[in-house]
Amino acid sequence: IMMHGMAGLFHFSKWIRQIHNYLTATLGINVWISYAIFILATLLIS
């Protein structure tokens, strides 16, 4: 079960990278703004 959870975290990190690449490469958002969006999302989810 522990390693199933670890696999989920790795999938989640790939998903986050894809979102970051979409924001920066496709939408042209500045890298630092993308980081700020993730920080804000983390705070709101918490």
All heavy atoms as atom14 arrays in JSON, in Angstrom:
{
  "sequence": "IMMHGMAGLFHFSKWIRQIHNYLTATLGINVWISYAIFILATLLIS",
  "atom14_mask": [
    [1, 1, 1, 1, 1, 1, 1, 1, 0, 0, 0, 0, 0, 0],
    [1, 1, 1, 1, 1, 1, 1, 1, 0, 0, 0, 0, 0, 0],
    [1, 1, 1, 1, 1, 1, 1, 1, 0, 0, 0, 0, 0, 0],
    [1, 1, 1, 1, 1, 1, 1, 1, 1, 1, 0, 0, 0, 0],
    [1, 1, 1, 1, 0, 0, 0, 0, 0, 0, 0, 0, 0, 0],
    [1, 1, 1, 1, 1, 1, 1, 1, 0, 0, 0, 0, 0, 0],
    [1, 1, 1, 1, 1, 0, 0, 0, 0, 0, 0, 0, 0, 0],
    [1, 1, 1, 1, 0, 0, 0, 0, 0, 0, 0, 0, 0, 0],
    [1, 1, 1, 1, 1, 1, 1, 1, 0, 0, 0, 0, 0, 0],
    [1, 1, 1, 1, 1, 1, 1, 1, 1, 1, 1, 0, 0, 0],
    [1, 1, 1, 1, 1, 1, 1, 1, 1, 1, 0, 0, 0, 0],
    [1, 1, 1, 1, 1, 1, 1, 1, 1, 1, 1, 0, 0, 0],
    [1, 1, 1, 1, 1, 1, 0, 0, 0, 0, 0, 0, 0, 0],
    [1, 1, 1, 1, 1, 1, 1, 1, 1, 0, 0, 0, 0, 0],
    [1, 1, 1, 1, 1, 1, 1, 1, 1, 1, 1, 1, 1, 1],
    [1, 1, 1, 1, 1, 1, 1, 1, 0, 0, 0, 0, 0, 0],
    [1, 1, 1, 1, 1, 1, 1, 1, 1, 1, 1, 0, 0, 0],
    [1, 1, 1, 1, 1, 1, 1, 1, 1, 0, 0, 0, 0, 0],
    [1, 1, 1, 1, 1, 1, 1, 1, 0, 0, 0, 0, 0, 0],
    [1, 1, 1, 1, 1, 1, 1, 1, 1, 1, 0, 0, 0, 0],
    [1, 1, 1, 1, 1, 1, 1, 1, 0, 0, 0, 0, 0, 0],
    [1, 1, 1, 1, 1, 1, 1, 1, 1, 1, 1, 1, 0, 0],
    [1, 1, 1, 1, 1, 1, 1, 1, 0, 0, 0, 0, 0, 0],
    [1, 1, 1, 1, 1, 1, 1, 0, 0, 0, 0, 0, 0, 0],
    [1, 1, 1, 1, 1, 0, 0, 0, 0, 0, 0, 0, 0, 0],
    [1, 1, 1, 1, 1, 1, 1, 0, 0, 0, 0, 0, 0, 0],
    [1, 1, 1, 1, 1, 1, 1, 1, 0, 0, 0, 0, 0, 0],
    [1, 1, 1, 1, 0, 0, 0, 0, 0, 0, 0, 0, 0, 0],
    [1, 1, 1, 1, 1, 1, 1, 1, 0, 0, 0, 0, 0, 0],
    [1, 1, 1, 1, 1, 1, 1, 1, 0, 0, 0, 0, 0, 0],
    [1, 1, 1, 1, 1, 1, 1, 0, 0, 0, 0, 0, 0, 0],
    [1, 1, 1, 1, 1, 1, 1, 1, 1, 1, 1, 1, 1, 1],
    [1, 1, 1, 1, 1, 1, 1, 1, 0, 0, 0, 0, 0, 0],
    [1, 1, 1, 1, 1, 1, 0, 0, 0, 0, 0, 0, 0, 0],
    [1, 1, 1, 1, 1, 1, 1, 1, 1, 1, 1, 1, 0, 0],
    [1, 1, 1, 1, 1, 0, 0, 0, 0, 0, 0, 0, 0, 0],
    [1, 1, 1, 1, 1, 1, 1, 1, 0, 0, 0, 0, 0, 0],
    [1, 1, 1, 1, 1, 1, 1, 1, 1, 1, 1, 0, 0, 0],
    [1, 1, 1, 1, 1, 1, 1, 1, 0, 0, 0, 0, 0, 0],
    [1, 1, 1, 1, 1, 1, 1, 1, 0, 0, 0, 0, 0, 0],
    [1, 1, 1, 1, 1, 0, 0, 0, 0, 0, 0, 0, 0, 0],
    [1, 1, 1, 1, 1, 1, 1, 0, 0, 0, 0, 0, 0, 0],
    [1, 1, 1, 1, 1, 1, 1, 1, 0, 0, 0, 0, 0, 0],
    [1, 1, 1, 1, 1, 1, 1, 1, 0, 0, 0, 0, 0, 0],
    [1, 1, 1, 1, 1, 1, 1, 1, 0, 0, 0, 0, 0, 0],
    [1, 1, 1, 1, 1, 1, 0, 0, 0, 0, 0, 0, 0, 0]
  ],
  "atom14_positions": [
    [[0.84, -1.21, 0.0], [0.0, 0.0, 0.0], [0.87, 1.25, 0.0], [0.57, 2.23, -0.68], [-0.96, -0.01, 1.21], [-1.98, -1.13, 1.04], [-1.64, 1.33, 1.39], [-2.87, -1.35, 2.23], [0.0, 0.0, 0.0], [0.0, 0.0, 0.0], [0.0, 0.0, 0.0], [0.0, 0.0, 0.0], [0.0, 0.0, 0.0], [0.0, 0.0, 0.0]],
    [[1.97, 1.21, 0.74], [2.88, 2.35, 0.83], [3.42, 2.73, -0.55], [3.47, 3.9, -0.92], [4.04, 2.01, 1.77], [5.05, 3.1, 1.88], [4.47, 4.37, 2.96], [5.78, 4.36, 4.13], [0.0, 0.0, 0.0], [0.0, 0.0, 0.0], [0.0, 0.0, 0.0], [0.0, 0.0, 0.0], [0.0, 0.0, 0.0], [0.0, 0.0, 0.0]],
    [[3.81, 1.74, -1.34], [4.38, 2.02, -2.66], [3.29, 2.4, -3.67], [3.57, 3.14, -4.61], [5.2, 0.83, -3.16], [6.48, 0.65, -2.37], [7.62, 2.05, -2.51], [7.6, 2.71, -0.86], [0.0, 0.0, 0.0], [0.0, 0.0, 0.0], [0.0, 0.0, 0.0], [0.0, 0.0, 0.0], [0.0, 0.0, 0.0], [0.0, 0.0, 0.0]],
    [[2.06, 1.95, -3.45], [0.96, 2.43, -4.28], [0.78, 3.93, -4.06], [0.56, 4.69, -5.01], [-0.35, 1.7, -3.94], [-0.47, 0.35, -4.56], [-0.75, 0.16, -5.9], [-0.34, -0.89, -4.03], [-0.8, -1.13, -6.15], [-0.54, -1.79, -5.04], [0.0, 0.0, 0.0], [0.0, 0.0, 0.0], [0.0, 0.0, 0.0], [0.0, 0.0, 0.0]],
    [[0.88, 4.35, -2.8], [0.79, 5.77, -2.48], [1.93, 6.56, -3.09], [1.74, 7.66, -3.61], [0.0, 0.0, 0.0], [0.0, 0.0, 0.0], [0.0, 0.0, 0.0], [0.0, 0.0, 0.0], [0.0, 0.0, 0.0], [0.0, 0.0, 0.0], [0.0, 0.0, 0.0], [0.0, 0.0, 0.0], [0.0, 0.0, 0.0], [0.0, 0.0, 0.0]],
    [[3.13, 6.0, -3.05], [4.29, 6.65, -3.64], [4.09, 6.82, -5.14], [4.41, 7.87, -5.71], [5.54, 5.83, -3.36], [6.82, 6.48, -3.83], [7.29, 7.9, -2.86], [8.08, 7.08, -1.5], [0.0, 0.0, 0.0], [0.0, 0.0, 0.0], [0.0, 0.0, 0.0], [0.0, 0.0, 0.0], [0.0, 0.0, 0.0], [0.0, 0.0, 0.0]],
    [[3.54, 5.81, -5.79], [3.26, 5.9, -7.22], [2.28, 7.04, -7.49], [2.43, 7.78, -8.47], [2.7, 4.58, -7.74], [0.0, 0.0, 0.0], [0.0, 0.0, 0.0], [0.0, 0.0, 0.0], [0.0, 0.0, 0.0], [0.0, 0.0, 0.0], [0.0, 0.0, 0.0], [0.0, 0.0, 0.0], [0.0, 0.0, 0.0], [0.0, 0.0, 0.0]],
    [[1.28, 7.16, -6.63], [0.32, 8.26, -6.78], [0.99, 9.62, -6.69], [0.66, 10.53, -7.45], [0.0, 0.0, 0.0], [0.0, 0.0, 0.0], [0.0, 0.0, 0.0], [0.0, 0.0, 0.0], [0.0, 0.0, 0.0], [0.0, 0.0, 0.0], [0.0, 0.0, 0.0], [0.0, 0.0, 0.0], [0.0, 0.0, 0.0], [0.0, 0.0, 0.0]],
    [[1.93, 9.76, -5.77], [2.66, 11.03, -5.64], [3.47, 11.33, -6.9], [3.54, 12.49, -7.33], [3.58, 11.01, -4.42], [2.89, 11.07, -3.06], [3.91, 10.91, -1.94], [2.14, 12.39, -2.91], [0.0, 0.0, 0.0], [0.0, 0.0, 0.0], [0.0, 0.0, 0.0], [0.0, 0.0, 0.0], [0.0, 0.0, 0.0], [0.0, 0.0, 0.0]],
    [[4.08, 10.32, -7.49], [4.84, 10.53, -8.7], [3.92, 10.93, -9.86], [4.28, 11.79, -10.67], [5.66, 9.29, -9.06], [6.98, 9.22, -8.36], [7.04, 9.02, -6.99], [8.16, 9.34, -9.04], [8.25, 8.95, -6.31], [9.38, 9.27, -8.4], [9.42, 9.08, -7.03], [0.0, 0.0, 0.0], [0.0, 0.0, 0.0], [0.0, 0.0, 0.0]],
    [[2.74, 10.32, -9.94], [1.77, 10.71, -10.97], [1.32, 12.15, -10.74], [1.17, 12.92, -11.68], [0.54, 9.79, -10.94], [0.75, 8.49, -11.63], [1.0, 8.38, -12.97], [0.74, 7.22, -11.15], [1.14, 7.11, -13.3], [0.99, 6.38, -12.21], [0.0, 0.0, 0.0], [0.0, 0.0, 0.0], [0.0, 0.0, 0.0], [0.0, 0.0, 0.0]],
    [[1.1, 12.51, -9.49], [0.68, 13.87, -9.14], [1.75, 14.88, -9.53], [1.44, 15.94, -10.08], [0.38, 13.94, -7.64], [-0.15, 15.27, -7.19], [-1.38, 15.72, -7.64], [0.58, 16.05, -6.31], [-1.87, 16.95, -7.23], [0.09, 17.28, -5.89], [-1.14, 17.73, -6.35], [0.0, 0.0, 0.0], [0.0, 0.0, 0.0], [0.0, 0.0, 0.0]],
    [[3.02, 14.55, -9.31], [4.09, 15.47, -9.67], [4.17, 15.65, -11.18], [4.44, 16.75, -11.67], [5.44, 15.02, -9.11], [5.91, 13.87, -9.79], [0.0, 0.0, 0.0], [0.0, 0.0, 0.0], [0.0, 0.0, 0.0], [0.0, 0.0, 0.0], [0.0, 0.0, 0.0], [0.0, 0.0, 0.0], [0.0, 0.0, 0.0], [0.0, 0.0, 0.0]],
    [[3.92, 14.58, -11.94], [3.9, 14.7, -13.4], [2.75, 15.6, -13.84], [2.9, 16.44, -14.73], [3.78, 13.32, -14.05], [3.84, 13.36, -15.56], [3.76, 11.98, -16.18], [3.84, 12.07, -17.69], [3.69, 10.77, -18.32], [0.0, 0.0, 0.0], [0.0, 0.0, 0.0], [0.0, 0.0, 0.0], [0.0, 0.0, 0.0], [0.0, 0.0, 0.0]],
    [[1.63, 15.46, -13.19], [0.46, 16.29, -13.49], [0.77, 17.76, -13.21], [0.42, 18.63, -14.01], [-0.72, 15.78, -12.66], [-2.01, 16.47, -12.9], [-2.8, 16.4, -14.0], [-2.68, 17.35, -11.98], [-3.91, 17.17, -13.84], [-3.86, 17.76, -12.6], [-2.38, 17.8, -10.7], [-4.75, 18.63, -11.98], [-3.26, 18.66, -10.09], [-4.43, 19.07, -10.72]],
    [[1.43, 18.04, -12.11], [1.8, 19.42, -11.76], [2.76, 19.99, -12.8], [2.62, 21.14, -13.23], [2.4, 19.49, -10.34], [1.29, 19.28, -9.31], [3.12, 20.81, -10.1], [1.78, 19.17, -7.89], [0.0, 0.0, 0.0], [0.0, 0.0, 0.0], [0.0, 0.0, 0.0], [0.0, 0.0, 0.0], [0.0, 0.0, 0.0], [0.0, 0.0, 0.0]],
    [[3.74, 19.19, -13.24], [4.67, 19.65, -14.28], [3.93, 19.97, -15.57], [4.25, 20.95, -16.26], [5.75, 18.59, -14.54], [6.88, 18.6, -13.56], [8.07, 17.76, -14.06], [7.7, 16.42, -14.47], [7.72, 15.35, -13.68], [8.1, 15.47, -12.43], [7.36, 14.17, -14.14], [0.0, 0.0, 0.0], [0.0, 0.0, 0.0], [0.0, 0.0, 0.0]],
    [[2.94, 19.14, -15.92], [2.18, 19.38, -17.14], [1.39, 20.68, -17.05], [1.32, 21.44, -18.01], [1.25, 18.21, -17.43], [1.97, 16.96, -17.87], [1.05, 15.76, -18.0], [-0.02, 15.71, -17.4], [1.48, 14.76, -18.76], [0.0, 0.0, 0.0], [0.0, 0.0, 0.0], [0.0, 0.0, 0.0], [0.0, 0.0, 0.0], [0.0, 0.0, 0.0]],
    [[0.8, 20.93, -15.89], [0.06, 22.18, -15.7], [1.02, 23.37, -15.78], [0.72, 24.38, -16.45], [-0.7, 22.18, -14.35], [-1.83, 21.17, -14.39], [-1.24, 23.57, -14.02], [-2.52, 20.97, -13.06], [0.0, 0.0, 0.0], [0.0, 0.0, 0.0], [0.0, 0.0, 0.0], [0.0, 0.0, 0.0], [0.0, 0.0, 0.0], [0.0, 0.0, 0.0]],
    [[2.17, 23.27, -15.13], [3.16, 24.35, -15.17], [3.6, 24.61, -16.62], [3.67, 25.76, -17.05], [4.36, 23.99, -14.3], [5.48, 24.96, -14.39], [5.41, 26.22, -13.81], [6.69, 24.89, -14.98], [6.53, 26.87, -14.05], [7.32, 26.07, -14.75], [0.0, 0.0, 0.0], [0.0, 0.0, 0.0], [0.0, 0.0, 0.0], [0.0, 0.0, 0.0]],
    [[3.88, 23.54, -17.38], [4.28, 23.71, -18.78], [3.17, 24.33, -19.61], [3.42, 25.15, -20.48], [4.7, 22.37, -19.38], [6.03, 21.89, -18.84], [6.83, 22.67, -18.35], [6.25, 20.59, -18.9], [0.0, 0.0, 0.0], [0.0, 0.0, 0.0], [0.0, 0.0, 0.0], [0.0, 0.0, 0.0], [0.0, 0.0, 0.0], [0.0, 0.0, 0.0]],
    [[1.92, 23.95, -19.33], [0.78, 24.54, -20.04], [0.69, 26.04, -19.75], [0.51, 26.84, -20.66], [-0.52, 23.83, -19.65], [-1.75, 24.47, -20.25], [-2.07, 24.27, -21.59], [-2.59, 25.28, -19.48], [-3.18, 24.85, -22.15], [-3.7, 25.87, -20.03], [-4.0, 25.67, -21.37], [-5.1, 26.26, -21.92], [0.0, 0.0, 0.0], [0.0, 0.0, 0.0]],
    [[0.82, 26.39, -18.47], [0.72, 27.81, -18.09], [1.83, 28.64, -18.71], [1.58, 29.75, -19.2], [0.76, 27.95, -16.56], [-0.45, 27.41, -15.79], [-0.19, 27.49, -14.29], [-1.71, 28.18, -16.16], [0.0, 0.0, 0.0], [0.0, 0.0, 0.0], [0.0, 0.0, 0.0], [0.0, 0.0, 0.0], [0.0, 0.0, 0.0], [0.0, 0.0, 0.0]],
    [[3.05, 28.1, -18.7], [4.19, 28.89, -19.17], [4.37, 28.82, -20.69], [4.59, 29.84, -21.33], [5.49, 28.46, -18.48], [5.69, 27.07, -18.68], [5.42, 28.77, -17.0], [0.0, 0.0, 0.0], [0.0, 0.0, 0.0], [0.0, 0.0, 0.0], [0.0, 0.0, 0.0], [0.0, 0.0, 0.0], [0.0, 0.0, 0.0], [0.0, 0.0, 0.0]],
    [[4.31, 27.62, -21.26], [4.59, 27.47, -22.69], [3.38, 27.79, -23.57], [3.5, 28.5, -24.56], [5.07, 26.05, -22.98], [0.0, 0.0, 0.0], [0.0, 0.0, 0.0], [0.0, 0.0, 0.0], [0.0, 0.0, 0.0], [0.0, 0.0, 0.0], [0.0, 0.0, 0.0], [0.0, 0.0, 0.0], [0.0, 0.0, 0.0], [0.0, 0.0, 0.0]],
    [[2.22, 27.28, -23.19], [1.05, 27.47, -24.03], [0.4, 28.83, -23.81], [0.09, 29.54, -24.77], [0.01, 26.35, -23.77], [0.66, 25.09, -23.93], [-1.16, 26.45, -24.72], [0.0, 0.0, 0.0], [0.0, 0.0, 0.0], [0.0, 0.0, 0.0], [0.0, 0.0, 0.0], [0.0, 0.0, 0.0], [0.0, 0.0, 0.0], [0.0, 0.0, 0.0]],
    [[0.18, 29.19, -22.55], [-0.49, 30.46, -22.25], [0.48, 31.64, -22.16], [0.05, 32.79, -22.14], [-1.28, 30.35, -20.95], [-2.41, 29.31, -20.93], [-3.11, 29.32, -19.59], [-3.39, 29.56, -22.06], [0.0, 0.0, 0.0], [0.0, 0.0, 0.0], [0.0, 0.0, 0.0], [0.0, 0.0, 0.0], [0.0, 0.0, 0.0], [0.0, 0.0, 0.0]],
    [[1.77, 31.36, -22.08], [2.77, 32.42, -22.04], [2.87, 33.14, -20.71], [3.39, 34.25, -20.65], [0.0, 0.0, 0.0], [0.0, 0.0, 0.0], [0.0, 0.0, 0.0], [0.0, 0.0, 0.0], [0.0, 0.0, 0.0], [0.0, 0.0, 0.0], [0.0, 0.0, 0.0], [0.0, 0.0, 0.0], [0.0, 0.0, 0.0], [0.0, 0.0, 0.0]],
    [[2.41, 32.5, -19.65], [2.49, 33.11, -18.32], [3.93, 33.03, -17.82], [4.61, 32.03, -18.02], [1.52, 32.4, -17.34], [0.08, 32.65, -17.77], [1.74, 32.84, -15.9], [-0.95, 31.88, -16.97], [0.0, 0.0, 0.0], [0.0, 0.0, 0.0], [0.0, 0.0, 0.0], [0.0, 0.0, 0.0], [0.0, 0.0, 0.0], [0.0, 0.0, 0.0]],
    [[4.38, 34.08, -17.16], [5.71, 34.1, -16.59], [5.88, 32.96, -15.59], [4.96, 32.62, -14.87], [5.94, 35.46, -15.91], [7.35, 35.6, -15.37], [7.7, 34.95, -14.39], [8.13, 36.45, -16.0], [0.0, 0.0, 0.0], [0.0, 0.0, 0.0], [0.0, 0.0, 0.0], [0.0, 0.0, 0.0], [0.0, 0.0, 0.0], [0.0, 0.0, 0.0]],
    [[7.09, 32.4, -15.55], [7.38, 31.27, -14.67], [7.06, 31.61, -13.22], [6.47, 30.81, -12.49], [8.86, 30.84, -14.82], [9.24, 29.81, -13.78], [9.12, 30.3, -16.21], [0.0, 0.0, 0.0], [0.0, 0.0, 0.0], [0.0, 0.0, 0.0], [0.0, 0.0, 0.0], [0.0, 0.0, 0.0], [0.0, 0.0, 0.0], [0.0, 0.0, 0.0]],
    [[7.44, 32.8, -12.78], [7.23, 33.18, -11.38], [5.74, 33.34, -11.06], [5.31, 33.05, -9.95], [8.0, 34.46, -11.05], [9.47, 34.19, -11.06], [10.37, 34.54, -12.03], [10.2, 33.44, -10.1], [11.62, 34.06, -11.73], [11.55, 33.39, -10.53], [9.86, 32.8, -8.91], [12.54, 32.73, -9.82], [10.87, 32.16, -8.2], [12.19, 32.13, -8.65]],
    [[4.97, 33.77, -12.04], [3.51, 33.86, -11.83], [2.92, 32.46, -11.7], [2.04, 32.21, -10.88], [2.84, 34.67, -12.96], [3.31, 36.13, -12.9], [1.33, 34.58, -12.87], [2.85, 36.98, -14.05], [0.0, 0.0, 0.0], [0.0, 0.0, 0.0], [0.0, 0.0, 0.0], [0.0, 0.0, 0.0], [0.0, 0.0, 0.0], [0.0, 0.0, 0.0]],
    [[3.45, 31.52, -12.51], [3.0, 30.13, -12.4], [3.31, 29.59, -11.0], [2.47, 28.94, -10.39], [3.69, 29.27, -13.46], [3.38, 27.92, -13.28], [0.0, 0.0, 0.0], [0.0, 0.0, 0.0], [0.0, 0.0, 0.0], [0.0, 0.0, 0.0], [0.0, 0.0, 0.0], [0.0, 0.0, 0.0], [0.0, 0.0, 0.0], [0.0, 0.0, 0.0]],
    [[4.51, 29.87, -10.49], [4.86, 29.45, -9.13], [3.92, 30.07, -8.12], [3.47, 29.4, -7.18], [6.3, 29.84, -8.79], [7.37, 29.12, -9.57], [8.63, 29.68, -9.72], [7.14, 27.87, -10.15], [9.63, 29.03, -10.42], [8.13, 27.22, -10.86], [9.38, 27.81, -10.99], [10.36, 27.16, -11.68], [0.0, 0.0, 0.0], [0.0, 0.0, 0.0]],
    [[3.59, 31.34, -8.31], [2.68, 32.03, -7.38], [1.3, 31.38, -7.41], [0.64, 31.24, -6.37], [2.59, 33.51, -7.73], [0.0, 0.0, 0.0], [0.0, 0.0, 0.0], [0.0, 0.0, 0.0], [0.0, 0.0, 0.0], [0.0, 0.0, 0.0], [0.0, 0.0, 0.0], [0.0, 0.0, 0.0], [0.0, 0.0, 0.0], [0.0, 0.0, 0.0]],
    [[0.85, 30.96, -8.59], [-0.45, 30.27, -8.71], [-0.43, 28.97, -7.92], [-1.38, 28.66, -7.19], [-0.79, 30.02, -10.19], [-1.11, 31.36, -10.89], [-1.96, 29.05, -10.33], [-1.21, 31.25, -12.41], [0.0, 0.0, 0.0], [0.0, 0.0, 0.0], [0.0, 0.0, 0.0], [0.0, 0.0, 0.0], [0.0, 0.0, 0.0], [0.0, 0.0, 0.0]],
    [[0.67, 28.22, -8.02], [0.77, 26.96, -7.27], [0.84, 27.21, -5.76], [0.26, 26.47, -4.99], [1.98, 26.15, -7.74], [1.73, 25.39, -9.01], [2.31, 25.79, -10.2], [0.9, 24.27, -9.02], [2.07, 25.1, -11.37], [0.65, 23.57, -10.19], [1.24, 24.0, -11.37], [0.0, 0.0, 0.0], [0.0, 0.0, 0.0], [0.0, 0.0, 0.0]],
    [[1.54, 28.25, -5.36], [1.61, 28.59, -3.93], [0.23, 28.95, -3.42], [-0.21, 28.47, -2.37], [2.62, 29.73, -3.69], [4.04, 29.23, -3.94], [2.49, 30.3, -2.27], [5.09, 30.32, -4.0], [0.0, 0.0, 0.0], [0.0, 0.0, 0.0], [0.0, 0.0, 0.0], [0.0, 0.0, 0.0], [0.0, 0.0, 0.0], [0.0, 0.0, 0.0]],
    [[-0.47, 29.78, -4.17], [-1.82, 30.18, -3.78], [-2.76, 28.97, -3.73], [-3.53, 28.82, -2.78], [-2.36, 31.24, -4.74], [-3.74, 31.81, -4.44], [-3.73, 32.51, -3.08], [-4.17, 32.76, -5.53], [0.0, 0.0, 0.0], [0.0, 0.0, 0.0], [0.0, 0.0, 0.0], [0.0, 0.0, 0.0], [0.0, 0.0, 0.0], [0.0, 0.0, 0.0]],
    [[-2.68, 28.09, -4.72], [-3.52, 26.89, -4.74], [-3.2, 26.01, -3.53], [-4.12, 25.46, -2.9], [-3.31, 26.12, -6.04], [0.0, 0.0, 0.0], [0.0, 0.0, 0.0], [0.0, 0.0, 0.0], [0.0, 0.0, 0.0], [0.0, 0.0, 0.0], [0.0, 0.0, 0.0], [0.0, 0.0, 0.0], [0.0, 0.0, 0.0], [0.0, 0.0, 0.0]],
    [[-1.92, 25.87, -3.19], [-1.53, 25.07, -2.03], [-2.11, 25.65, -0.75], [-2.64, 24.91, 0.1], [0.01, 24.99, -1.93], [0.51, 24.41, -3.14], [0.44, 24.14, -0.75], [0.0, 0.0, 0.0], [0.0, 0.0, 0.0], [0.0, 0.0, 0.0], [0.0, 0.0, 0.0], [0.0, 0.0, 0.0], [0.0, 0.0, 0.0], [0.0, 0.0, 0.0]],
    [[-2.01, 26.96, -0.6], [-2.57, 27.62, 0.59], [-4.08, 27.45, 0.68], [-4.62, 27.14, 1.75], [-2.18, 29.1, 0.62], [-0.72, 29.41, 0.87], [-0.46, 30.89, 0.68], [-0.32, 28.96, 2.26], [0.0, 0.0, 0.0], [0.0, 0.0, 0.0], [0.0, 0.0, 0.0], [0.0, 0.0, 0.0], [0.0, 0.0, 0.0], [0.0, 0.0, 0.0]],
    [[-4.78, 27.63, -0.44], [-6.23, 27.51, -0.43], [-6.68, 26.07, -0.14], [-7.62, 25.85, 0.62], [-6.81, 27.98, -1.77], [-6.71, 29.49, -2.02], [-7.2, 29.82, -3.44], [-7.48, 30.27, -0.98], [0.0, 0.0, 0.0], [0.0, 0.0, 0.0], [0.0, 0.0, 0.0], [0.0, 0.0, 0.0], [0.0, 0.0, 0.0], [0.0, 0.0, 0.0]],
    [[-6.0, 25.11, -0.74], [-6.34, 23.71, -0.47], [-6.07, 23.37, 0.99], [-6.88, 22.69, 1.64], [-5.56, 22.77, -1.42], [-6.08, 22.92, -2.84], [-5.66, 21.32, -0.96], [-5.22, 22.25, -3.91], [0.0, 0.0, 0.0], [0.0, 0.0, 0.0], [0.0, 0.0, 0.0], [0.0, 0.0, 0.0], [0.0, 0.0, 0.0], [0.0, 0.0, 0.0]],
    [[-4.96, 23.87, 1.55], [-4.64, 23.63, 2.96], [-5.7, 24.23, 3.87], [-6.12, 23.6, 4.84], [-3.28, 24.22, 3.3], [-2.28, 23.61, 2.54], [0.0, 0.0, 0.0], [0.0, 0.0, 0.0], [0.0, 0.0, 0.0], [0.0, 0.0, 0.0], [0.0, 0.0, 0.0], [0.0, 0.0, 0.0], [0.0, 0.0, 0.0], [0.0, 0.0, 0.0]]
  ]
}
